Amino acid sequence: MIVVATSDFEVYHGVVNELRDRSVDFTTIEPDDELPETADAVITDAETAESIEEFETVVATPGEPRRAVEEALALLREAGGRLVVGIDPGTKPGVAVLVGEIIVSAYHVPLNDAVETVRGEIEGATDPLVRIGDGARLEGARIVDELDVPVELVDETGTTPYVGTGARGMGDVLAAVNIARIEGELVESREFEPTDGELQVIKNRSRERSVKNRTIDETLARRVAAGELTLDEALDEHRETE
């Protein structure tokens, strides 16, 4: 758990907003309060840091909250357990990064950015693990095949919670957190025969993406499903054959 302990108004709001933006678990205390037993790192100001002894502290300065939060997350990674990335696959996957039970970062990104997001989070980690839900087979297979770290396929039944109005996208992120906490089956790739419905979804997306309302044929749709082509590449090939 990250603890924010500072009486500096600018430091406090900068750090707290940065932590909230990253969906990181944290708590706040007054500088004179006793640190909670669950504390793993403390973010504070230079003056308060002098009174905190024998504990991992990060000194934050006004205007640089991101640097302080990055340092605190680095301390968590060093002190915590195994780094596990949970992915709720889809056209815009939810991605959650956990060290032990602590959520250190979370994302809701386009499919094309998912793999690079994961690679950036696991870079330098010792023995990282990725757990991905077994839904959205087409998108999930693409992510699995592009990663070169251990991947577990997880039964994602019941992992997506109810989210209230105004929390668009949070359901995918929270599902990714739940997926990260469930043991799955270790896989090296994910091969599957696309159903007629999945092929139709790809065709429909090609028509929506096309400037002239074109729809790719089934052969190209199967190559997209297999990860041989992106949808844009399939549309290019389709135009060349007309």
C-alpha atoms as a PDB file:
ATOM      1  CA  MET A   1       0.000   0.000   0.000  1.00  0.00           C
ATOM      2  CA  ILE A   2       1.237   3.482  -0.867  1.00  0.00           C
ATOM      3  CA  VAL A   3       0.741   6.097   1.851  1.00  0.00           C
ATOM      4  CA  VAL A   4       0.597   9.822   1.118  1.00  0.00           C
ATOM      5  CA  ALA A   5       1.717  11.881   4.119  1.00  0.00           C
ATOM      6  CA  THR A   6       2.181  15.588   3.523  1.00  0.00           C
ATOM      7  CA  SER A   7       0.879  18.974   4.619  1.00  0.00           C
ATOM      8  CA  ASP A   8       1.979  20.562   1.323  1.00  0.00           C
ATOM      9  CA  PHE A   9      -1.275  21.322  -0.519  1.00  0.00           C
ATOM     10  CA  GLU A  10       0.235  21.228  -4.019  1.00  0.00           C
ATOM     11  CA  VAL A  11       2.175  18.022  -3.412  1.00  0.00           C
ATOM     12  CA  TYR A  12      -0.878  16.335  -1.893  1.00  0.00           C
ATOM     13  CA  HIS A  13      -3.276  17.098  -4.735  1.00  0.00           C
ATOM     14  CA  GLY A  14      -0.744  16.373  -7.476  1.00  0.00           C
ATOM     15  CA  VAL A  15       0.210  12.979  -6.057  1.00  0.00           C
ATOM     16  CA  VAL A  16      -3.337  11.943  -5.152  1.00  0.00           C
ATOM     17  CA  ASN A  17      -4.659  12.829  -8.608  1.00  0.00           C
ATOM     18  CA  GLU A  18      -1.806  10.902 -10.261  1.00  0.00           C
ATOM     19  CA  LEU A  19      -2.500   7.830  -8.115  1.00  0.00           C
ATOM     20  CA  ARG A  20      -6.225   8.001  -8.894  1.00  0.00           C
ATOM     21  CA  ASP A  21      -5.556   8.327 -12.616  1.00  0.00           C
ATOM     22  CA  ARG A  22      -3.533   5.110 -12.444  1.00  0.00           C
ATOM     23  CA  SER A  23      -6.132   3.272 -10.284  1.00  0.00           C
ATOM     24  CA  VAL A  24      -3.438   2.600  -7.658  1.00  0.00           C
ATOM     25  CA  ASP A  25      -4.474   1.557  -4.141  1.00  0.00           C
ATOM     26  CA  PHE A  26      -3.362   4.176  -1.602  1.00  0.00           C
ATOM     27  CA  THR A  27      -4.314   5.899   1.627  1.00  0.00           C
ATOM     28  CA  THR A  28      -3.593   9.329   3.087  1.00  0.00           C
ATOM     29  CA  ILE A  29      -2.563  10.317   6.613  1.00  0.00           C
ATOM     30  CA  GLU A  30      -1.518  13.447   8.450  1.00  0.00           C
ATOM     31  CA  PRO A  31       2.278  13.876   8.671  1.00  0.00           C
ATOM     32  CA  ASP A  32       2.237  13.243  12.457  1.00  0.00           C
ATOM     33  CA  ASP A  33       0.043  10.140  12.263  1.00  0.00           C
ATOM     34  CA  GLU A  34       1.453   6.656  12.757  1.00  0.00           C
ATOM     35  CA  LEU A  35       2.061   4.742   9.540  1.00  0.00           C
ATOM     36  CA  PRO A  36      -0.402   1.879   8.929  1.00  0.00           C
ATOM     37  CA  GLU A  37       0.950  -1.672   9.101  1.00  0.00           C
ATOM     38  CA  THR A  38      -0.002  -2.186   5.454  1.00  0.00           C
ATOM     39  CA  ALA A  39       2.300   0.621   4.269  1.00  0.00           C
ATOM     40  CA  ASP A  40       4.901  -0.401   1.671  1.00  0.00           C
ATOM     41  CA  ALA A  41       6.023   3.056   0.533  1.00  0.00           C
ATOM     42  CA  VAL A  42       5.408   6.627   1.661  1.00  0.00           C
ATOM     43  CA  ILE A  43       5.167   9.662  -0.599  1.00  0.00           C
ATOM     44  CA  THR A  44       5.811  12.865   1.282  1.00  0.00           C
ATOM     45  CA  ASP A  45       7.425  16.294   1.052  1.00  0.00           C
ATOM     46  CA  ALA A  46      11.056  17.130   1.916  1.00  0.00           C
ATOM     47  CA  GLU A  47      10.241  18.590   5.331  1.00  0.00           C
ATOM     48  CA  THR A  48       8.073  15.686   6.487  1.00  0.00           C
ATOM     49  CA  ALA A  49      10.553  13.091   5.158  1.00  0.00           C
ATOM     50  CA  GLU A  50      13.048  14.109   7.859  1.00  0.00           C
ATOM     51  CA  SER A  51      10.689  12.813  10.556  1.00  0.00           C
ATOM     52  CA  ILE A  52      10.043   9.424   8.906  1.00  0.00           C
ATOM     53  CA  GLU A  53      12.754   7.016   9.954  1.00  0.00           C
ATOM     54  CA  GLU A  54      13.551   3.461   8.875  1.00  0.00           C
ATOM     55  CA  PHE A  55      10.975   3.383   6.088  1.00  0.00           C
ATOM     56  CA  GLU A  56      10.998   3.611   2.309  1.00  0.00           C
ATOM     57  CA  THR A  57      10.067   7.202   1.463  1.00  0.00           C
ATOM     58  CA  VAL A  58       9.736   9.104  -1.794  1.00  0.00           C
ATOM     59  CA  VAL A  59      10.098  12.872  -1.640  1.00  0.00           C
ATOM     60  CA  ALA A  60       7.661  14.616  -3.966  1.00  0.00           C
ATOM     61  CA  THR A  61       8.130  18.156  -5.167  1.00  0.00           C
ATOM     62  CA  PRO A  62       5.374  20.516  -6.363  1.00  0.00           C
ATOM     63  CA  GLY A  63       4.770  20.134 -10.072  1.00  0.00           C
ATOM     64  CA  GLU A  64       6.378  16.664 -10.344  1.00  0.00           C
ATOM     65  CA  PRO A  65       3.834  14.197  -8.951  1.00  0.00           C
ATOM     66  CA  ARG A  66       4.370  11.662 -11.752  1.00  0.00           C
ATOM     67  CA  ARG A  67       8.059  11.179 -10.898  1.00  0.00           C
ATOM     68  CA  ALA A  68       7.197  10.553  -7.237  1.00  0.00           C
ATOM     69  CA  VAL A  69       4.483   8.051  -8.086  1.00  0.00           C
ATOM     70  CA  GLU A  70       6.808   6.214 -10.500  1.00  0.00           C
ATOM     71  CA  GLU A  71       9.436   5.912  -7.744  1.00  0.00           C
ATOM     72  CA  ALA A  72       6.857   4.623  -5.275  1.00  0.00           C
ATOM     73  CA  LEU A  73       5.598   2.030  -7.747  1.00  0.00           C
ATOM     74  CA  ALA A  74       9.179   0.909  -8.346  1.00  0.00           C
ATOM     75  CA  LEU A  75       9.545   0.337  -4.587  1.00  0.00           C
ATOM     76  CA  LEU A  76       6.356  -1.732  -4.590  1.00  0.00           C
ATOM     77  CA  ARG A  77       7.651  -3.890  -7.413  1.00  0.00           C
ATOM     78  CA  GLU A  78      10.892  -4.518  -5.531  1.00  0.00           C
ATOM     79  CA  ALA A  79       9.193  -5.293  -2.230  1.00  0.00           C
ATOM     80  CA  GLY A  80       6.123  -7.095  -3.519  1.00  0.00           C
ATOM     81  CA  GLY A  81       5.529 -10.515  -4.998  1.00  0.00           C
ATOM     82  CA  ARG A  82       5.358 -11.622  -8.593  1.00  0.00           C
ATOM     83  CA  LEU A  83       4.222  -9.084 -11.176  1.00  0.00           C
ATOM     84  CA  VAL A  84       0.999 -10.323 -12.777  1.00  0.00           C
ATOM     85  CA  VAL A  85      -0.813  -8.622 -15.656  1.00  0.00           C
ATOM     86  CA  GLY A  86      -4.516  -9.319 -16.091  1.00  0.00           C
ATOM     87  CA  ILE A  87      -6.184  -8.705 -19.466  1.00  0.00           C
ATOM     88  CA  ASP A  88      -9.885  -8.585 -20.252  1.00  0.00           C
ATOM     89  CA  PRO A  89      -9.699  -9.041 -24.045  1.00  0.00           C
ATOM     90  CA  GLY A  90     -11.856  -7.193 -26.544  1.00  0.00           C
ATOM     91  CA  THR A  91     -11.656  -4.414 -29.109  1.00  0.00           C
ATOM     92  CA  LYS A  92     -10.575  -2.155 -26.227  1.00  0.00           C
ATOM     93  CA  PRO A  93      -9.052  -4.439 -23.574  1.00  0.00           C
ATOM     94  CA  GLY A  94      -8.851  -3.711 -19.892  1.00  0.00           C
ATOM     95  CA  VAL A  95      -5.311  -4.206 -18.549  1.00  0.00           C
ATOM     96  CA  ALA A  96      -4.411  -4.359 -14.849  1.00  0.00           C
ATOM     97  CA  VAL A  97      -0.933  -4.743 -13.344  1.00  0.00           C
ATOM     98  CA  LEU A  98      -0.644  -6.279  -9.881  1.00  0.00           C
ATOM     99  CA  VAL A  99       2.297  -6.910  -7.586  1.00  0.00           C
ATOM    100  CA  GLY A 100       1.059  -9.312  -4.967  1.00  0.00           C
ATOM    101  CA  GLU A 101      -2.418  -8.006  -4.124  1.00  0.00           C
ATOM    102  CA  ILE A 102      -1.539  -4.402  -4.930  1.00  0.00           C
ATOM    103  CA  ILE A 103      -2.829  -2.814  -8.132  1.00  0.00           C
ATOM    104  CA  VAL A 104       0.050  -0.689  -9.393  1.00  0.00           C
ATOM    105  CA  SER A 105      -1.437   0.451 -12.710  1.00  0.00           C
ATOM    106  CA  ALA A 106      -4.464  -0.035 -14.940  1.00  0.00           C
ATOM    107  CA  TYR A 107      -5.352   0.783 -18.537  1.00  0.00           C
ATOM    108  CA  HIS A 108      -8.228   0.747 -21.016  1.00  0.00           C
ATOM    109  CA  VAL A 109      -6.564   0.824 -24.424  1.00  0.00           C
ATOM    110  CA  PRO A 110      -7.299   0.064 -28.090  1.00  0.00           C
ATOM    111  CA  LEU A 111      -6.473  -3.493 -29.106  1.00  0.00           C
ATOM    112  CA  ASN A 112      -3.537  -2.329 -31.237  1.00  0.00           C
ATOM    113  CA  ASP A 113      -1.900  -0.811 -28.139  1.00  0.00           C
ATOM    114  CA  ALA A 114      -2.524  -3.680 -25.723  1.00  0.00           C
ATOM    115  CA  VAL A 115       0.625  -5.726 -26.331  1.00  0.00           C
ATOM    116  CA  GLU A 116       2.958  -2.713 -26.188  1.00  0.00           C
ATOM    117  CA  THR A 117       1.245  -1.590 -22.982  1.00  0.00           C
ATOM    118  CA  VAL A 118       1.905  -4.993 -21.410  1.00  0.00           C
ATOM    119  CA  ARG A 119       5.506  -5.068 -22.641  1.00  0.00           C
ATOM    120  CA  GLY A 120       6.143  -1.655 -21.136  1.00  0.00           C
ATOM    121  CA  GLU A 121       4.798  -2.772 -17.744  1.00  0.00           C
ATOM    122  CA  ILE A 122       6.730  -6.051 -17.537  1.00  0.00           C
ATOM    123  CA  GLU A 123      10.031  -4.646 -18.805  1.00  0.00           C
ATOM    124  CA  GLY A 124      12.734  -5.389 -16.250  1.00  0.00           C
ATOM    125  CA  ALA A 125      10.434  -7.523 -14.074  1.00  0.00           C
ATOM    126  CA  THR A 126      11.640 -10.876 -12.757  1.00  0.00           C
ATOM    127  CA  ASP A 127       9.439 -13.774 -13.886  1.00  0.00           C
ATOM    128  CA  PRO A 128       6.322 -11.779 -14.921  1.00  0.00           C
ATOM    129  CA  LEU A 129       3.062 -13.573 -15.701  1.00  0.00           C
ATOM    130  CA  VAL A 130       0.167 -12.571 -17.948  1.00  0.00           C
ATOM    131  CA  ARG A 131      -3.348 -13.874 -17.337  1.00  0.00           C
ATOM    132  CA  ILE A 132      -5.938 -13.295 -20.051  1.00  0.00           C
ATOM    133  CA  GLY A 133      -9.659 -14.014 -20.068  1.00  0.00           C
ATOM    134  CA  ASP A 134     -11.021 -16.700 -22.372  1.00  0.00           C
ATOM    135  CA  GLY A 135     -13.718 -14.478 -23.891  1.00  0.00           C
ATOM    136  CA  ALA A 136     -13.374 -12.398 -27.077  1.00  0.00           C
ATOM    137  CA  ARG A 137     -11.487 -15.280 -28.704  1.00  0.00           C
ATOM    138  CA  LEU A 138     -10.342 -13.384 -31.780  1.00  0.00           C
ATOM    139  CA  GLU A 139      -8.808 -10.463 -29.872  1.00  0.00           C
ATOM    140  CA  GLY A 140      -7.482 -12.721 -27.117  1.00  0.00           C
ATOM    141  CA  ALA A 141      -5.704 -14.997 -29.583  1.00  0.00           C
ATOM    142  CA  ARG A 142      -4.006 -12.030 -31.199  1.00  0.00           C
ATOM    143  CA  ILE A 143      -2.675 -10.788 -27.851  1.00  0.00           C
ATOM    144  CA  VAL A 144      -1.495 -14.245 -26.735  1.00  0.00           C
ATOM    145  CA  ASP A 145       0.352 -14.886 -29.988  1.00  0.00           C
ATOM    146  CA  GLU A 146       2.214 -11.564 -29.816  1.00  0.00           C
ATOM    147  CA  LEU A 147       3.471 -11.946 -26.228  1.00  0.00           C
ATOM    148  CA  ASP A 148       6.716 -13.748 -25.415  1.00  0.00           C
ATOM    149  CA  VAL A 149       6.187 -14.260 -21.661  1.00  0.00           C
ATOM    150  CA  PRO A 150       4.271 -16.966 -19.767  1.00  0.00           C
ATOM    151  CA  VAL A 151       0.527 -16.580 -20.416  1.00  0.00           C
ATOM    152  CA  GLU A 152      -2.332 -18.279 -18.591  1.00  0.00           C
ATOM    153  CA  LEU A 153      -5.813 -18.559 -20.101  1.00  0.00           C
ATOM    154  CA  VAL A 154      -8.404 -17.835 -17.401  1.00  0.00           C
ATOM    155  CA  ASP A 155     -12.105 -18.669 -17.206  1.00  0.00           C
ATOM    156  CA  GLU A 156     -13.490 -15.131 -17.074  1.00  0.00           C
ATOM    157  CA  THR A 157     -17.016 -16.125 -16.052  1.00  0.00           C
ATOM    158  CA  GLY A 158     -18.241 -13.685 -13.421  1.00  0.00           C
ATOM    159  CA  THR A 159     -15.172 -11.432 -13.562  1.00  0.00           C
ATOM    160  CA  THR A 160     -16.960  -8.359 -14.935  1.00  0.00           C
ATOM    161  CA  PRO A 161     -18.663  -6.439 -12.100  1.00  0.00           C
ATOM    162  CA  TYR A 162     -21.588  -4.072 -12.290  1.00  0.00           C
ATOM    163  CA  VAL A 163     -20.460  -0.471 -12.718  1.00  0.00           C
ATOM    164  CA  GLY A 164     -22.626   2.579 -12.255  1.00  0.00           C
ATOM    165  CA  THR A 165     -23.432   5.433 -14.599  1.00  0.00           C
ATOM    166  CA  GLY A 166     -20.423   7.498 -15.600  1.00  0.00           C
ATOM    167  CA  ALA A 167     -17.923   4.660 -15.170  1.00  0.00           C
ATOM    168  CA  ARG A 168     -17.656   3.696 -18.829  1.00  0.00           C
ATOM    169  CA  GLY A 169     -14.732   1.364 -19.439  1.00  0.00           C
ATOM    170  CA  MET A 170     -14.185   0.658 -15.740  1.00  0.00           C
ATOM    171  CA  GLY A 171     -15.939  -2.692 -16.047  1.00  0.00           C
ATOM    172  CA  ASP A 172     -13.207  -3.937 -18.404  1.00  0.00           C
ATOM    173  CA  VAL A 173     -10.469  -2.655 -16.093  1.00  0.00           C
ATOM    174  CA  LEU A 174     -12.030  -4.221 -12.987  1.00  0.00           C
ATOM    175  CA  ALA A 175     -12.531  -7.466 -14.900  1.00  0.00           C
ATOM    176  CA  ALA A 176      -8.807  -7.403 -15.727  1.00  0.00           C
ATOM    177  CA  VAL A 177      -8.038  -7.048 -11.999  1.00  0.00           C
ATOM    178  CA  ASN A 178     -10.202 -10.073 -11.209  1.00  0.00           C
ATOM    179  CA  ILE A 179      -8.640 -12.071 -14.054  1.00  0.00           C
ATOM    180  CA  ALA A 180      -5.143 -11.293 -12.732  1.00  0.00           C
ATOM    181  CA  ARG A 181      -6.107 -12.925  -9.424  1.00  0.00           C
ATOM    182  CA  ILE A 182      -7.368 -16.219 -10.929  1.00  0.00           C
ATOM    183  CA  GLU A 183      -5.075 -19.116 -11.811  1.00  0.00           C
ATOM    184  CA  GLY A 184      -5.491 -20.331 -15.381  1.00  0.00           C
ATOM    185  CA  GLU A 185      -4.090 -22.809 -17.874  1.00  0.00           C
ATOM    186  CA  LEU A 186      -0.626 -22.085 -19.240  1.00  0.00           C
ATOM    187  CA  VAL A 187      -0.767 -21.646 -23.027  1.00  0.00           C
ATOM    188  CA  GLU A 188       1.796 -20.842 -25.715  1.00  0.00           C
ATOM    189  CA  SER A 189      -0.710 -19.833 -28.379  1.00  0.00           C
ATOM    190  CA  ARG A 190      -4.436 -19.765 -28.908  1.00  0.00           C
ATOM    191  CA  GLU A 191      -5.660 -21.424 -32.051  1.00  0.00           C
ATOM    192  CA  PHE A 192      -9.337 -21.688 -32.896  1.00  0.00           C
ATOM    193  CA  GLU A 193     -11.679 -22.121 -35.833  1.00  0.00           C
ATOM    194  CA  PRO A 194     -13.733 -18.937 -36.116  1.00  0.00           C
ATOM    195  CA  THR A 195     -17.486 -19.381 -36.036  1.00  0.00           C
ATOM    196  CA  ASP A 196     -19.806 -17.991 -38.701  1.00  0.00           C
ATOM    197  CA  GLY A 197     -20.823 -15.333 -36.201  1.00  0.00           C
ATOM    198  CA  GLU A 198     -17.221 -14.273 -35.542  1.00  0.00           C
ATOM    199  CA  LEU A 199     -16.514 -14.066 -39.262  1.00  0.00           C
ATOM    200  CA  GLN A 200     -19.616 -11.942 -39.724  1.00  0.00           C
ATOM    201  CA  VAL A 201     -18.434  -9.589 -36.980  1.00  0.00           C
ATOM    202  CA  ILE A 202     -15.144  -9.114 -38.861  1.00  0.00           C
ATOM    203  CA  LYS A 203     -17.009  -8.469 -42.106  1.00  0.00           C
ATOM    204  CA  ASN A 204     -19.265  -5.951 -40.383  1.00  0.00           C
ATOM    205  CA  ARG A 205     -16.236  -4.142 -38.946  1.00  0.00           C
ATOM    206  CA  SER A 206     -14.644  -4.008 -42.391  1.00  0.00           C
ATOM    207  CA  ARG A 207     -17.758  -2.352 -43.793  1.00  0.00           C
ATOM    208  CA  GLU A 208     -17.807   0.172 -40.932  1.00  0.00           C
ATOM    209  CA  ARG A 209     -14.090   0.916 -41.409  1.00  0.00           C
ATOM    210  CA  SER A 210     -14.275   1.233 -45.199  1.00  0.00           C
ATOM    211  CA  VAL A 211     -14.679   4.698 -46.696  1.00  0.00           C
ATOM    212  CA  LYS A 212     -16.830   3.306 -49.504  1.00  0.00           C
ATOM    213  CA  ASN A 213     -18.790   0.838 -47.372  1.00  0.00           C
ATOM    214  CA  ARG A 214     -16.886  -2.180 -48.718  1.00  0.00           C
ATOM    215  CA  THR A 215     -17.135  -5.593 -47.049  1.00  0.00           C
ATOM    216  CA  ILE A 216     -14.269  -8.080 -47.217  1.00  0.00           C
ATOM    217  CA  ASP A 217     -14.972 -11.653 -48.302  1.00  0.00           C
ATOM    218  CA  GLU A 218     -14.867 -14.738 -46.077  1.00  0.00           C
ATOM    219  CA  THR A 219     -11.323 -15.726 -47.118  1.00  0.00           C
ATOM    220  CA  LEU A 220      -9.929 -12.383 -45.983  1.00  0.00           C
ATOM    221  CA  ALA A 221     -12.090 -12.488 -42.848  1.00  0.00           C
ATOM    222  CA  ARG A 222     -10.566 -15.861 -41.942  1.00  0.00           C
ATOM    223  CA  ARG A 223      -7.051 -14.457 -42.383  1.00  0.00           C
ATOM    224  CA  VAL A 224      -7.954 -11.569 -40.088  1.00  0.00           C
ATOM    225  CA  ALA A 225      -9.332 -14.038 -37.540  1.00  0.00           C
ATOM    226  CA  ALA A 226      -6.094 -16.045 -37.728  1.00  0.00           C
ATOM    227  CA  GLY A 227      -4.018 -12.929 -37.120  1.00  0.00           C
ATOM    228  CA  GLU A 228      -2.383 -13.093 -40.559  1.00  0.00           C
ATOM    229  CA  LEU A 229      -3.795  -9.696 -41.527  1.00  0.00           C
ATOM    230  CA  THR A 230      -5.064  -6.624 -39.743  1.00  0.00           C
ATOM    231  CA  LEU A 231      -8.467  -5.355 -40.764  1.00  0.00           C
ATOM    232  CA  ASP A 232      -6.887  -2.433 -42.625  1.00  0.00           C
ATOM    233  CA  GLU A 233      -4.540  -4.792 -44.506  1.00  0.00           C
ATOM    234  CA  ALA A 234      -7.506  -6.977 -45.476  1.00  0.00           C
ATOM    235  CA  LEU A 235      -9.340  -3.916 -46.794  1.00  0.00           C
ATOM    236  CA  ASP A 236      -6.263  -2.966 -48.851  1.00  0.00           C
ATOM    237  CA  GLU A 237      -6.143  -6.447 -50.409  1.00  0.00           C
ATOM    238  CA  HIS A 238      -9.860  -6.339 -51.055  1.00  0.00           C
ATOM    239  CA  ARG A 239      -9.519  -3.027 -52.928  1.00  0.00           C
ATOM    240  CA  GLU A 240      -6.662  -4.415 -55.038  1.00  0.00           C
ATOM    241  CA  THR A 241      -8.792  -7.333 -56.277  1.00  0.00           C
ATOM    242  CA  GLU A 242     -11.691  -5.176 -57.383  1.00  0.00           C
END
